[in-house]
């Protein structure tokens, strides 16, 4: 993926995330907090920083496996469409075995 405000050609952010608090690593609440850990993928398309806010955010917990090695989760957000100050993206979280655990969608407004 790209970093925010890098002027990237595609909106894609991917990172391995883990809670510092070891007690949060094995909870559904901790997992869902990580689902909001990445910046909106549309921010990679921007050439400078400006305020961005979520309009809608939804997720589904999929599969039976909600565990991973050492608390590490692969998180990815990809921009589907952007224009007129709005963006739409899909996101996912996978465990270290490559199994999907969370799938979601988000719509954002970009105040540029």
Foldseek 3Di string as FASTA:
>chain_A
DADFLQLDPWQKDKDKDFDPPPVLLQDPVSVVVVQPVDDASCRRNHNDDFDKDWPDKDKDFDDDDPHAPPSIKMKMKGWDDDDPQKTKIKMWIAHPVRHTGMIMIIMMGTDD
